[in-house]
């Protein structure tokens, strides 16, 4: 579906079906959709089967009766092709059009934009497809978990886990560099600020945690900290505020996020 903010109704583009590698097409329940920021005409979807599908919105049919489902490319690890017990829970595009795909009860895979298969690949094409980068160690079984990039040039890969931890890998080497407790139960979603080294995470708990790098030398609190916090609590009663640390927009500061202890500096309480 496409929603125009100027309108009160939605437009049906097409129905996503499992025609790739399947004898009998069936509808795919979608759990994730993401737009390629480098080429905003392209968007990827993932759901109840093993394929991440990329579409060109310029080629989508605007009349639902025509029901055209023709992806530009499809992505899937070779060993998962034909699997009936996996599905996609999260997708993310990097600023270089790399596609990150997270599977339930499986791993996370990074596909380069030129590694996709055509919309109707032959068995030979499937066998000759390149193997993507793999990120492992987390657990994605209990809930729908997202996945994301982090850093000024998307140098890191982020994921939550059923164990309540935040997993952070180096994108290039797939090396686990940080493991932080993010929730008492499960961490589901992670979102990085587009310009500064701040990370938001959430899970089963009724709050959103905001993480920022903390230097080794922690500056003392100002003398009037109680008055400041008291005033803020009156202005923003739904926020529980901590002193926000100073930071610089450099690669060193992003690296400092992983070389020092990263503590969340603000907790936003979600009330019902």
Foldseek 3Di string as FASTA:
>chain_A
DADDPVDPDGFDFAFAWDPALDPDIDTFDWQEKDAQPLDRQKMWTWGQAFKIFIARVVPTDRDHVVRDHFGAFIDGALVRVPPNPKTWQEWEAFNQRWIWTQIAQDWIFIHHPVQTHGRHDDPVNSVPGDGTDTADDAHHHDDRAYKYFDDQRSQWIWTKHQCQWIWIAGPPVSHTQDIGRHDNGIKHYKDADNFAGKIWTDDDAQKIFIKAFDDPDHDDDDPCVVVVQVVVCVVPVQKRFADDDDDDRDRVRNVSNRVDPIDGGIIGGHDD
